[in-house]
Amino acid sequence: MTTTPRLALAGALLLCVLTLPAAPAAADGTGPGEPPLTEPTAAAPVDVDPTDPDLKLPEGATLAEAKVLDIKLVVEEQSGDERREDTNADVTFALQSEVLFGKDSASVGEEAKIRIAAIAEEIRKQRATRVRVFGFTDSLGTTTHGVALSKRRANAVQAVLDQDLNTPSITFDVRGYGEQYPIADNATEAGRKKNRRVEVSFPRTGQ
């Protein structure tokens, strides 16, 4: 019969496949290792001619006045309940609505009063005479309801601040913006939570 040579040939091919050398193992023995990386050759530094006319200002040109850039520092609680933002000009506190109010409410709780009192202390420290209190909501519900709720909540925070500061020298600017000016994506609950907030901002004195 003629089947024997075919079987012998198949066995030889199978033997060749099984006896191929394996890829080198990784150093930790978890699998095939990667080829060693070759360190790039550092390029030689470029020579610069200090007398090159292209490095000089055109005749008659002057440099703009030096100015201090506005540096922003943001500190946020891990829970996201409170955020403080400092710039050269202003201090801004953002409090999430959940730590200030109940659902669809503008009644300030006891924990919220403690947080607002800390903000009042910072206003006193900065000797601010003008304080902005702005309320914001997420995009759920009607625009009219969101604007009204955010304004009531801003008014509630302003009332606690006014009581804590107890001075006629401070002018308050209180507004409710509803769903305007979101700081996160309203498509997710995590984003909507960030957008439901009251912001208190005032000029800083640099102290």
N, C-alpha and C. Protein backbone atom coordinates (compact mmCIF):
# COMPACT_ATOMS: atom_id res chain seq x y z
N MET A 1 0.86 -1.20 0.00
CA MET A 1 0.00 0.00 0.00
C MET A 1 0.89 1.24 0.00
N THR A 2 0.31 2.39 -0.41
CA THR A 2 1.11 3.62 -0.54
C THR A 2 0.91 4.58 0.62
N THR A 3 0.21 4.16 1.69
CA THR A 3 -0.08 5.08 2.79
C THR A 3 1.09 5.25 3.73
N THR A 4 2.02 4.27 3.77
CA THR A 4 3.10 4.32 4.75
C THR A 4 4.01 5.52 4.56
N PRO A 5 4.46 5.84 3.34
CA PRO A 5 5.33 7.03 3.16
C PRO A 5 4.64 8.31 3.61
N ARG A 6 3.30 8.41 3.34
CA ARG A 6 2.60 9.63 3.76
C ARG A 6 2.59 9.77 5.28
N LEU A 7 2.35 8.65 5.97
CA LEU A 7 2.34 8.69 7.43
C LEU A 7 3.73 9.05 7.96
N ALA A 8 4.74 8.52 7.36
CA ALA A 8 6.10 8.81 7.81
C ALA A 8 6.43 10.28 7.62
N LEU A 9 5.96 10.85 6.47
CA LEU A 9 6.21 12.27 6.21
C LEU A 9 5.48 13.14 7.20
N ALA A 10 4.22 12.79 7.53
CA ALA A 10 3.45 13.57 8.51
C ALA A 10 4.12 13.52 9.87
N GLY A 11 4.60 12.34 10.25
CA GLY A 11 5.29 12.22 11.53
C GLY A 11 6.54 13.07 11.57
N ALA A 12 7.26 13.17 10.47
CA ALA A 12 8.47 14.00 10.42
C ALA A 12 8.15 15.46 10.58
N LEU A 13 7.03 15.91 9.90
CA LEU A 13 6.63 17.31 10.02
C LEU A 13 6.22 17.63 11.45
N LEU A 14 5.46 16.73 12.08
CA LEU A 14 5.03 16.94 13.45
C LEU A 14 6.22 17.01 14.39
N LEU A 15 7.22 16.18 14.15
CA LEU A 15 8.41 16.17 14.97
C LEU A 15 9.15 17.49 14.85
N CYS A 16 9.16 18.04 13.64
CA CYS A 16 9.84 19.32 13.42
C CYS A 16 9.14 20.43 14.19
N VAL A 17 7.81 20.41 14.18
CA VAL A 17 7.07 21.45 14.89
C VAL A 17 7.30 21.36 16.37
N LEU A 18 7.28 20.12 16.91
CA LEU A 18 7.41 19.94 18.36
C LEU A 18 8.82 20.22 18.85
N THR A 19 9.79 20.14 17.99
CA THR A 19 11.16 20.32 18.45
C THR A 19 11.71 21.71 18.16
N LEU A 20 10.79 22.68 17.75
CA LEU A 20 11.28 24.05 17.55
C LEU A 20 11.70 24.64 18.89
N PRO A 21 12.75 25.43 18.96
CA PRO A 21 13.20 26.00 20.24
C PRO A 21 12.17 27.01 20.75
N ALA A 22 11.95 27.02 22.06
CA ALA A 22 10.98 27.94 22.68
C ALA A 22 11.59 29.32 22.81
N ALA A 23 10.68 30.35 22.90
CA ALA A 23 11.15 31.73 23.08
C ALA A 23 11.78 31.86 24.45
N PRO A 24 12.77 32.70 24.60
CA PRO A 24 13.43 32.86 25.91
C PRO A 24 12.43 33.35 26.95
N ALA A 25 12.53 32.84 28.14
CA ALA A 25 11.59 33.21 29.21
C ALA A 25 11.96 34.56 29.78
N ALA A 26 10.91 35.26 30.32
CA ALA A 26 11.15 36.52 31.00
C ALA A 26 11.93 36.27 32.27
N ALA A 27 12.50 37.34 32.82
CA ALA A 27 13.33 37.21 34.01
C ALA A 27 12.54 36.66 35.19
N ASP A 28 11.24 36.98 35.26
CA ASP A 28 10.43 36.51 36.38
C ASP A 28 9.77 35.17 36.09
N GLY A 29 10.02 34.57 34.92
CA GLY A 29 9.48 33.27 34.59
C GLY A 29 8.02 33.27 34.22
N THR A 30 7.42 34.45 33.98
CA THR A 30 5.99 34.51 33.70
C THR A 30 5.66 34.32 32.24
N GLY A 31 6.60 34.41 31.35
CA GLY A 31 6.29 34.25 29.93
C GLY A 31 7.45 34.66 29.08
N PRO A 32 7.21 34.74 27.78
CA PRO A 32 8.30 35.12 26.87
C PRO A 32 8.87 36.47 27.22
N GLY A 33 10.17 36.58 27.17
CA GLY A 33 10.80 37.85 27.49
C GLY A 33 10.80 38.80 26.31
N GLU A 34 10.98 40.11 26.59
CA GLU A 34 11.06 41.12 25.55
C GLU A 34 12.52 41.33 25.18
N PRO A 35 12.80 41.71 23.94
CA PRO A 35 14.20 42.00 23.56
C PRO A 35 14.70 43.17 24.37
N PRO A 36 15.96 43.17 24.75
CA PRO A 36 16.49 44.29 25.55
C PRO A 36 16.39 45.59 24.79
N LEU A 37 16.07 46.66 25.54
CA LEU A 37 15.98 47.98 24.92
C LEU A 37 17.36 48.55 24.75
N THR A 38 17.58 49.21 23.64
CA THR A 38 18.86 49.85 23.38
C THR A 38 18.79 51.30 23.82
N GLU A 39 19.72 51.70 24.65
CA GLU A 39 19.75 53.08 25.11
C GLU A 39 19.99 54.01 23.93
N PRO A 40 19.17 55.08 23.78
CA PRO A 40 19.39 56.01 22.67
C PRO A 40 20.69 56.78 22.85
N THR A 41 21.33 57.03 21.78
CA THR A 41 22.58 57.79 21.83
C THR A 41 22.26 59.27 21.98
N ALA A 42 22.82 59.90 23.01
CA ALA A 42 22.56 61.31 23.26
C ALA A 42 23.12 62.15 22.12
N ALA A 43 22.27 63.11 21.68
CA ALA A 43 22.72 64.00 20.60
C ALA A 43 23.70 65.02 21.15
N ALA A 44 24.62 65.40 20.32
CA ALA A 44 25.58 66.42 20.73
C ALA A 44 24.88 67.75 20.88
N PRO A 45 25.27 68.57 21.87
CA PRO A 45 24.63 69.88 22.04
C PRO A 45 24.83 70.75 20.81
N VAL A 46 23.82 71.58 20.54
CA VAL A 46 23.88 72.46 19.36
C VAL A 46 24.68 73.70 19.71
N ASP A 47 25.60 74.04 18.87
CA ASP A 47 26.38 75.26 19.08
C ASP A 47 25.52 76.48 18.77
N VAL A 48 25.53 77.47 19.65
CA VAL A 48 24.76 78.70 19.46
C VAL A 48 25.73 79.86 19.31
N ASP A 49 25.55 80.62 18.25
CA ASP A 49 26.39 81.79 18.01
C ASP A 49 25.72 83.00 18.65
N PRO A 50 26.25 83.53 19.75
CA PRO A 50 25.61 84.65 20.43
C PRO A 50 25.58 85.92 19.59
N THR A 51 26.37 85.97 18.52
CA THR A 51 26.37 87.17 17.67
C THR A 51 25.44 87.03 16.48
N ASP A 52 24.72 85.91 16.40
CA ASP A 52 23.80 85.69 15.28
C ASP A 52 22.72 86.77 15.29
N PRO A 53 22.54 87.51 14.18
CA PRO A 53 21.55 88.60 14.15
C PRO A 53 20.11 88.09 14.33
N ASP A 54 19.86 86.83 14.02
CA ASP A 54 18.51 86.30 14.18
C ASP A 54 18.11 86.17 15.65
N LEU A 55 19.10 86.21 16.56
CA LEU A 55 18.81 86.10 17.98
C LEU A 55 18.55 87.46 18.61
N LYS A 56 18.67 88.53 17.86
CA LYS A 56 18.50 89.88 18.39
C LYS A 56 17.12 90.41 18.01
N LEU A 57 16.60 91.34 18.83
CA LEU A 57 15.33 91.99 18.50
C LEU A 57 15.51 92.85 17.26
N PRO A 58 14.50 92.92 16.41
CA PRO A 58 14.59 93.83 15.27
C PRO A 58 14.78 95.27 15.75
N GLU A 59 15.38 96.07 14.93
CA GLU A 59 15.65 97.46 15.30
C GLU A 59 14.34 98.19 15.61
N GLY A 60 14.31 98.85 16.75
CA GLY A 60 13.12 99.59 17.15
C GLY A 60 12.13 98.79 17.98
N ALA A 61 12.30 97.46 18.04
CA ALA A 61 11.38 96.61 18.81
C ALA A 61 11.76 96.64 20.28
N THR A 62 10.77 96.48 21.13
CA THR A 62 11.00 96.44 22.58
C THR A 62 10.27 95.24 23.18
N LEU A 63 10.75 94.80 24.33
CA LEU A 63 10.10 93.71 25.04
C LEU A 63 8.87 94.22 25.77
N ALA A 64 7.85 93.40 25.87
CA ALA A 64 6.65 93.78 26.62
C ALA A 64 6.98 93.87 28.10
N GLU A 65 6.16 94.62 28.83
CA GLU A 65 6.35 94.76 30.27
C GLU A 65 6.23 93.41 30.95
N ALA A 66 7.08 93.19 31.95
CA ALA A 66 6.99 91.95 32.72
C ALA A 66 5.71 91.96 33.54
N LYS A 67 5.08 90.80 33.69
CA LYS A 67 3.87 90.72 34.51
C LYS A 67 3.85 89.41 35.26
N VAL A 68 3.16 89.41 36.38
CA VAL A 68 3.04 88.22 37.21
C VAL A 68 1.86 87.39 36.70
N LEU A 69 2.12 86.14 36.37
CA LEU A 69 1.05 85.28 35.90
C LEU A 69 0.13 84.90 37.05
N ASP A 70 -1.14 84.69 36.73
CA ASP A 70 -2.11 84.31 37.74
C ASP A 70 -1.93 82.83 38.07
N ILE A 71 -1.47 82.54 39.27
CA ILE A 71 -1.22 81.18 39.69
C ILE A 71 -2.43 80.66 40.45
N LYS A 72 -2.88 79.47 40.08
CA LYS A 72 -4.07 78.90 40.71
C LYS A 72 -3.69 77.68 41.53
N LEU A 73 -4.19 77.63 42.77
CA LEU A 73 -3.99 76.48 43.64
C LEU A 73 -5.36 75.94 44.01
N VAL A 74 -5.58 74.65 43.76
CA VAL A 74 -6.87 74.03 44.05
C VAL A 74 -6.67 72.90 45.05
N VAL A 75 -7.43 72.94 46.14
CA VAL A 75 -7.41 71.88 47.14
C VAL A 75 -8.83 71.36 47.28
N GLU A 76 -9.00 70.05 47.09
CA GLU A 76 -10.33 69.46 47.13
C GLU A 76 -10.34 68.27 48.07
N GLU A 77 -11.40 68.17 48.88
CA GLU A 77 -11.55 67.01 49.74
C GLU A 77 -11.68 65.76 48.87
N GLN A 78 -11.20 64.63 49.39
CA GLN A 78 -11.26 63.39 48.62
C GLN A 78 -12.70 63.03 48.27
N SER A 79 -13.64 63.36 49.17
CA SER A 79 -15.05 63.08 48.92
C SER A 79 -15.64 64.01 47.87
N GLY A 80 -14.97 65.13 47.60
CA GLY A 80 -15.50 66.12 46.67
C GLY A 80 -16.51 67.05 47.29
N ASP A 81 -16.73 66.95 48.61
CA ASP A 81 -17.75 67.77 49.27
C ASP A 81 -17.37 69.25 49.29
N GLU A 82 -16.09 69.54 49.34
CA GLU A 82 -15.65 70.95 49.42
C GLU A 82 -14.37 71.13 48.62
N ARG A 83 -14.27 72.27 47.93
CA ARG A 83 -13.09 72.59 47.15
C ARG A 83 -12.70 74.03 47.39
N ARG A 84 -11.42 74.28 47.58
CA ARG A 84 -10.91 75.65 47.72
C ARG A 84 -9.98 75.95 46.56
N GLU A 85 -10.18 77.11 45.96
CA GLU A 85 -9.37 77.53 44.82
C GLU A 85 -8.79 78.90 45.12
N ASP A 86 -7.46 79.01 45.10
CA ASP A 86 -6.76 80.27 45.37
C ASP A 86 -6.07 80.75 44.10
N THR A 87 -6.25 82.02 43.77
CA THR A 87 -5.48 82.67 42.72
C THR A 87 -4.81 83.89 43.33
N ASN A 88 -4.06 84.62 42.50
CA ASN A 88 -3.43 85.84 43.01
C ASN A 88 -4.46 86.85 43.49
N ALA A 89 -5.66 86.81 42.90
CA ALA A 89 -6.65 87.85 43.17
C ALA A 89 -7.77 87.40 44.10
N ASP A 90 -8.18 86.11 44.03
CA ASP A 90 -9.40 85.70 44.73
C ASP A 90 -9.23 84.38 45.46
N VAL A 91 -10.14 84.16 46.41
CA VAL A 91 -10.31 82.88 47.08
C VAL A 91 -11.73 82.42 46.79
N THR A 92 -11.89 81.16 46.37
CA THR A 92 -13.21 80.63 46.07
C THR A 92 -13.41 79.30 46.78
N PHE A 93 -14.51 79.20 47.50
CA PHE A 93 -14.91 77.93 48.12
C PHE A 93 -16.12 77.41 47.37
N ALA A 94 -16.11 76.12 47.03
CA ALA A 94 -17.26 75.47 46.41
C ALA A 94 -17.72 74.36 47.33
N LEU A 95 -18.97 74.44 47.79
CA LEU A 95 -19.55 73.43 48.67
C LEU A 95 -20.62 72.66 47.91
N GLN A 96 -20.54 71.33 47.94
CA GLN A 96 -21.55 70.52 47.29
C GLN A 96 -22.89 70.66 48.01
N SER A 97 -23.96 70.70 47.24
CA SER A 97 -25.29 70.91 47.82
C SER A 97 -25.66 69.82 48.81
N GLU A 98 -25.18 68.57 48.59
CA GLU A 98 -25.55 67.47 49.48
C GLU A 98 -25.07 67.68 50.91
N VAL A 99 -23.96 68.41 51.10
CA VAL A 99 -23.46 68.63 52.46
C VAL A 99 -24.09 69.88 53.07
N LEU A 100 -24.81 70.65 52.27
CA LEU A 100 -25.45 71.86 52.77
C LEU A 100 -26.95 71.68 53.00
N PHE A 101 -27.61 70.96 52.09
CA PHE A 101 -29.07 70.92 52.09
C PHE A 101 -29.58 69.49 51.88
N GLY A 102 -30.84 69.31 52.24
CA GLY A 102 -31.52 68.08 51.87
C GLY A 102 -31.96 68.16 50.42
N LYS A 103 -32.51 67.07 49.91
CA LYS A 103 -32.94 67.00 48.52
C LYS A 103 -34.01 68.06 48.25
N ASP A 104 -33.78 68.87 47.22
CA ASP A 104 -34.72 69.91 46.78
C ASP A 104 -35.04 70.90 47.89
N SER A 105 -34.09 71.12 48.81
CA SER A 105 -34.31 72.00 49.97
C SER A 105 -33.28 73.11 49.99
N ALA A 106 -33.62 74.20 50.67
CA ALA A 106 -32.68 75.30 50.88
C ALA A 106 -32.50 75.56 52.37
N SER A 107 -32.80 74.56 53.20
CA SER A 107 -32.64 74.68 54.65
C SER A 107 -31.24 74.20 55.03
N VAL A 108 -30.48 75.07 55.70
CA VAL A 108 -29.08 74.78 56.05
C VAL A 108 -29.03 73.91 57.31
N GLY A 109 -28.31 72.77 57.21
CA GLY A 109 -28.15 71.89 58.36
C GLY A 109 -27.01 72.32 59.26
N GLU A 110 -26.87 71.61 60.40
CA GLU A 110 -25.86 71.97 61.39
C GLU A 110 -24.44 71.74 60.86
N GLU A 111 -24.22 70.63 60.16
CA GLU A 111 -22.88 70.39 59.60
C GLU A 111 -22.53 71.47 58.58
N ALA A 112 -23.53 71.89 57.81
CA ALA A 112 -23.30 72.94 56.82
C ALA A 112 -22.90 74.25 57.50
N LYS A 113 -23.52 74.55 58.63
CA LYS A 113 -23.20 75.80 59.34
C LYS A 113 -21.75 75.81 59.81
N ILE A 114 -21.24 74.63 60.19
CA ILE A 114 -19.83 74.55 60.62
C ILE A 114 -18.90 74.85 59.44
N ARG A 115 -19.22 74.30 58.28
CA ARG A 115 -18.41 74.56 57.09
C ARG A 115 -18.48 76.03 56.69
N ILE A 116 -19.68 76.61 56.75
CA ILE A 116 -19.84 78.02 56.38
C ILE A 116 -19.12 78.91 57.37
N ALA A 117 -19.11 78.54 58.65
CA ALA A 117 -18.39 79.33 59.66
C ALA A 117 -16.90 79.37 59.37
N ALA A 118 -16.34 78.27 58.86
CA ALA A 118 -14.92 78.24 58.50
C ALA A 118 -14.64 79.19 57.34
N ILE A 119 -15.58 79.27 56.39
CA ILE A 119 -15.43 80.21 55.28
C ILE A 119 -15.51 81.64 55.78
N ALA A 120 -16.43 81.90 56.72
CA ALA A 120 -16.56 83.24 57.30
C ALA A 120 -15.26 83.66 57.97
N GLU A 121 -14.60 82.71 58.61
CA GLU A 121 -13.33 83.02 59.27
C GLU A 121 -12.26 83.41 58.25
N GLU A 122 -12.27 82.74 57.09
CA GLU A 122 -11.32 83.09 56.04
C GLU A 122 -11.64 84.46 55.45
N ILE A 123 -12.92 84.79 55.32
CA ILE A 123 -13.31 86.12 54.83
C ILE A 123 -12.81 87.19 55.80
N ARG A 124 -12.95 86.91 57.08
CA ARG A 124 -12.48 87.85 58.11
C ARG A 124 -10.96 87.99 58.04
N LYS A 125 -10.27 86.88 57.84
CA LYS A 125 -8.80 86.89 57.77
C LYS A 125 -8.32 87.72 56.58
N GLN A 126 -9.02 87.60 55.44
CA GLN A 126 -8.64 88.35 54.25
C GLN A 126 -9.15 89.79 54.26
N ARG A 127 -9.92 90.13 55.26
CA ARG A 127 -10.49 91.48 55.40
C ARG A 127 -11.27 91.89 54.14
N ALA A 128 -12.01 90.93 53.61
CA ALA A 128 -12.78 91.19 52.39
C ALA A 128 -13.98 92.09 52.71
N THR A 129 -14.30 92.98 51.78
CA THR A 129 -15.46 93.86 51.94
C THR A 129 -16.54 93.56 50.90
N ARG A 130 -16.25 92.63 50.00
CA ARG A 130 -17.23 92.23 48.99
C ARG A 130 -17.17 90.72 48.82
N VAL A 131 -18.30 90.06 48.97
CA VAL A 131 -18.36 88.60 48.92
C VAL A 131 -19.43 88.19 47.91
N ARG A 132 -19.09 87.27 47.03
CA ARG A 132 -20.03 86.75 46.04
C ARG A 132 -20.50 85.36 46.48
N VAL A 133 -21.80 85.15 46.45
CA VAL A 133 -22.37 83.85 46.79
C VAL A 133 -23.25 83.42 45.63
N PHE A 134 -22.80 82.41 44.89
CA PHE A 134 -23.51 81.97 43.69
C PHE A 134 -23.97 80.53 43.85
N GLY A 135 -25.23 80.26 43.48
CA GLY A 135 -25.77 78.92 43.56
C GLY A 135 -25.90 78.30 42.17
N PHE A 136 -25.73 76.97 42.11
CA PHE A 136 -25.80 76.24 40.84
C PHE A 136 -26.52 74.91 41.07
N THR A 137 -27.16 74.40 40.03
CA THR A 137 -27.80 73.09 40.09
C THR A 137 -27.32 72.24 38.92
N ASP A 138 -27.83 70.99 38.86
CA ASP A 138 -27.55 70.16 37.69
C ASP A 138 -28.59 70.46 36.62
N SER A 139 -28.61 69.65 35.57
CA SER A 139 -29.50 69.92 34.43
C SER A 139 -30.84 69.19 34.55
N LEU A 140 -31.07 68.46 35.65
CA LEU A 140 -32.34 67.78 35.82
C LEU A 140 -33.43 68.78 36.21
N GLY A 141 -34.66 68.51 35.83
CA GLY A 141 -35.74 69.43 36.15
C GLY A 141 -35.79 70.60 35.18
N THR A 142 -36.74 71.49 35.42
CA THR A 142 -36.90 72.64 34.52
C THR A 142 -35.88 73.72 34.83
N THR A 143 -35.62 74.55 33.83
CA THR A 143 -34.69 75.66 34.03
C THR A 143 -35.20 76.62 35.09
N THR A 144 -36.50 76.91 35.07
CA THR A 144 -37.10 77.85 36.04
C THR A 144 -36.92 77.34 37.46
N HIS A 145 -37.17 76.04 37.67
CA HIS A 145 -37.01 75.47 39.01
C HIS A 145 -35.56 75.50 39.44
N GLY A 146 -34.63 75.19 38.52
CA GLY A 146 -33.21 75.19 38.87
C GLY A 146 -32.71 76.56 39.27
N VAL A 147 -33.12 77.59 38.54
CA VAL A 147 -32.69 78.95 38.87
C VAL A 147 -33.24 79.37 40.23
N ALA A 148 -34.52 79.07 40.47
CA ALA A 148 -35.15 79.46 41.74
C ALA A 148 -34.50 78.73 42.92
N LEU A 149 -34.25 77.41 42.77
CA LEU A 149 -33.64 76.64 43.85
C LEU A 149 -32.22 77.10 44.12
N SER A 150 -31.45 77.35 43.07
CA SER A 150 -30.07 77.78 43.27
C SER A 150 -30.01 79.15 43.95
N LYS A 151 -30.96 80.03 43.64
CA LYS A 151 -30.98 81.35 44.28
C LYS A 151 -31.37 81.23 45.76
N ARG A 152 -32.35 80.36 46.07
CA ARG A 152 -32.73 80.17 47.48
C ARG A 152 -31.56 79.60 48.28
N ARG A 153 -30.83 78.70 47.69
CA ARG A 153 -29.69 78.11 48.40
C ARG A 153 -28.57 79.12 48.59
N ALA A 154 -28.33 79.94 47.59
CA ALA A 154 -27.32 81.00 47.73
C ALA A 154 -27.73 81.98 48.81
N ASN A 155 -29.01 82.33 48.86
CA ASN A 155 -29.51 83.23 49.91
C ASN A 155 -29.33 82.62 51.29
N ALA A 156 -29.56 81.31 51.40
CA ALA A 156 -29.43 80.64 52.69
C ALA A 156 -27.99 80.67 53.19
N VAL A 157 -27.03 80.41 52.29
CA VAL A 157 -25.62 80.46 52.67
C VAL A 157 -25.21 81.87 53.03
N GLN A 158 -25.69 82.85 52.27
CA GLN A 158 -25.37 84.25 52.56
C GLN A 158 -25.89 84.65 53.93
N ALA A 159 -27.07 84.18 54.30
CA ALA A 159 -27.65 84.53 55.59
C ALA A 159 -26.79 84.01 56.74
N VAL A 160 -26.26 82.80 56.61
CA VAL A 160 -25.40 82.25 57.66
C VAL A 160 -24.08 83.02 57.72
N LEU A 161 -23.52 83.34 56.56
CA LEU A 161 -22.29 84.12 56.52
C LEU A 161 -22.49 85.48 57.18
N ASP A 162 -23.59 86.13 56.84
CA ASP A 162 -23.88 87.45 57.39
C ASP A 162 -24.00 87.39 58.91
N GLN A 163 -24.63 86.34 59.41
CA GLN A 163 -24.78 86.19 60.86
C GLN A 163 -23.43 85.93 61.53
N ASP A 164 -22.59 85.10 60.90
CA ASP A 164 -21.29 84.79 61.48
C ASP A 164 -20.36 86.01 61.45
N LEU A 165 -20.36 86.74 60.36
CA LEU A 165 -19.46 87.89 60.22
C LEU A 165 -19.94 89.07 61.03
N ASN A 166 -21.24 89.29 61.05
CA ASN A 166 -21.86 90.33 61.89
C ASN A 166 -21.19 91.69 61.71
N THR A 167 -21.09 92.13 60.45
CA THR A 167 -20.51 93.44 60.17
C THR A 167 -21.20 94.07 58.98
N PRO A 168 -21.51 95.36 59.06
CA PRO A 168 -22.17 96.04 57.93
C PRO A 168 -21.19 96.44 56.83
N SER A 169 -19.89 96.20 57.04
CA SER A 169 -18.89 96.66 56.06
C SER A 169 -18.78 95.73 54.86
N ILE A 170 -19.46 94.58 54.87
CA ILE A 170 -19.36 93.63 53.76
C ILE A 170 -20.60 93.73 52.88
N THR A 171 -20.36 93.85 51.59
CA THR A 171 -21.44 93.84 50.59
C THR A 171 -21.50 92.47 49.94
N PHE A 172 -22.69 91.89 49.91
CA PHE A 172 -22.88 90.56 49.32
C PHE A 172 -23.50 90.70 47.93
N ASP A 173 -22.99 89.89 47.02
CA ASP A 173 -23.57 89.74 45.67
C ASP A 173 -24.09 88.31 45.59
N VAL A 174 -25.41 88.13 45.61
CA VAL A 174 -26.01 86.80 45.69
C VAL A 174 -26.78 86.52 44.40
N ARG A 175 -26.49 85.39 43.76
CA ARG A 175 -27.15 85.04 42.50
C ARG A 175 -27.41 83.54 42.41
N GLY A 176 -28.43 83.19 41.64
CA GLY A 176 -28.72 81.80 41.35
C GLY A 176 -28.65 81.56 39.86
N TYR A 177 -27.77 80.67 39.42
CA TYR A 177 -27.55 80.44 38.00
C TYR A 177 -28.16 79.15 37.48
N GLY A 178 -28.80 78.36 38.36
CA GLY A 178 -29.38 77.11 37.90
C GLY A 178 -28.33 76.20 37.28
N GLU A 179 -28.64 75.65 36.10
CA GLU A 179 -27.75 74.70 35.45
C GLU A 179 -26.65 75.36 34.64
N GLN A 180 -26.60 76.69 34.60
CA GLN A 180 -25.54 77.37 33.85
C GLN A 180 -24.18 77.14 34.51
N TYR A 181 -23.16 77.22 33.72
CA TYR A 181 -21.76 77.11 34.16
C TYR A 181 -21.46 75.79 34.88
N PRO A 182 -21.76 74.65 34.26
CA PRO A 182 -21.41 73.37 34.90
C PRO A 182 -19.89 73.19 34.94
N ILE A 183 -19.42 72.49 35.95
CA ILE A 183 -17.99 72.20 36.07
C ILE A 183 -17.70 70.72 35.79
N ALA A 184 -18.77 69.94 35.51
CA ALA A 184 -18.62 68.52 35.21
C ALA A 184 -19.73 68.11 34.24
N ASP A 185 -19.66 66.87 33.77
CA ASP A 185 -20.60 66.36 32.79
C ASP A 185 -21.93 66.01 33.45
N ASN A 186 -23.01 66.64 33.00
CA ASN A 186 -24.33 66.35 33.55
C ASN A 186 -24.89 65.01 33.10
N ALA A 187 -24.16 64.28 32.25
CA ALA A 187 -24.66 62.99 31.76
C ALA A 187 -24.50 61.89 32.80
N THR A 188 -23.69 62.12 33.85
CA THR A 188 -23.48 61.12 34.89
C THR A 188 -23.88 61.70 36.25
N GLU A 189 -24.24 60.82 37.18
CA GLU A 189 -24.61 61.29 38.52
C GLU A 189 -23.41 61.92 39.23
N ALA A 190 -22.21 61.35 39.01
CA ALA A 190 -21.01 61.93 39.62
C ALA A 190 -20.80 63.36 39.13
N GLY A 191 -21.04 63.60 37.84
CA GLY A 191 -20.90 64.95 37.30
C GLY A 191 -21.98 65.87 37.81
N ARG A 192 -23.21 65.38 37.88
CA ARG A 192 -24.32 66.21 38.37
C ARG A 192 -24.10 66.62 39.83
N LYS A 193 -23.52 65.69 40.61
CA LYS A 193 -23.24 66.01 42.02
C LYS A 193 -22.27 67.18 42.13
N LYS A 194 -21.25 67.20 41.27
CA LYS A 194 -20.29 68.32 41.30
C LYS A 194 -20.97 69.63 40.90
N ASN A 195 -21.91 69.55 39.98
CA ASN A 195 -22.57 70.77 39.49
C ASN A 195 -23.55 71.34 40.51
N ARG A 196 -24.08 70.52 41.39
CA ARG A 196 -24.99 71.01 42.44
C ARG A 196 -24.13 71.59 43.56
N ARG A 197 -23.97 72.90 43.57
CA ARG A 197 -23.00 73.50 44.49
C ARG A 197 -23.37 74.95 44.79
N VAL A 198 -22.75 75.48 45.85
CA VAL A 198 -22.79 76.91 46.15
C VAL A 198 -21.34 77.38 46.25
N GLU A 199 -21.01 78.43 45.51
CA GLU A 199 -19.67 78.98 45.52
C GLU A 199 -19.63 80.30 46.27
N VAL A 200 -18.64 80.44 47.14
CA VAL A 200 -18.40 81.68 47.87
C VAL A 200 -17.02 82.19 47.49
N SER A 201 -16.94 83.40 46.94
CA SER A 201 -15.65 83.93 46.51
C SER A 201 -15.49 85.36 46.97
N PHE A 202 -14.23 85.75 47.18
CA PHE A 202 -13.91 87.10 47.69
C PHE A 202 -12.46 87.40 47.37
N PRO A 203 -12.10 88.69 47.31
CA PRO A 203 -10.70 89.07 47.01
C PRO A 203 -9.78 88.63 48.14
N ARG A 204 -8.56 88.28 47.78
CA ARG A 204 -7.56 87.92 48.78
C ARG A 204 -6.60 89.09 48.99
N THR A 205 -6.03 89.15 50.17
CA THR A 205 -5.09 90.23 50.49
C THR A 205 -3.65 89.78 50.41
N GLY A 206 -3.42 88.48 50.13
CA GLY A 206 -2.07 87.96 50.06
C GLY A 206 -1.55 87.44 51.38
N GLN A 207 -2.38 87.45 52.43
CA GLN A 207 -1.94 86.94 53.71
C GLN A 207 -1.86 85.43 53.69
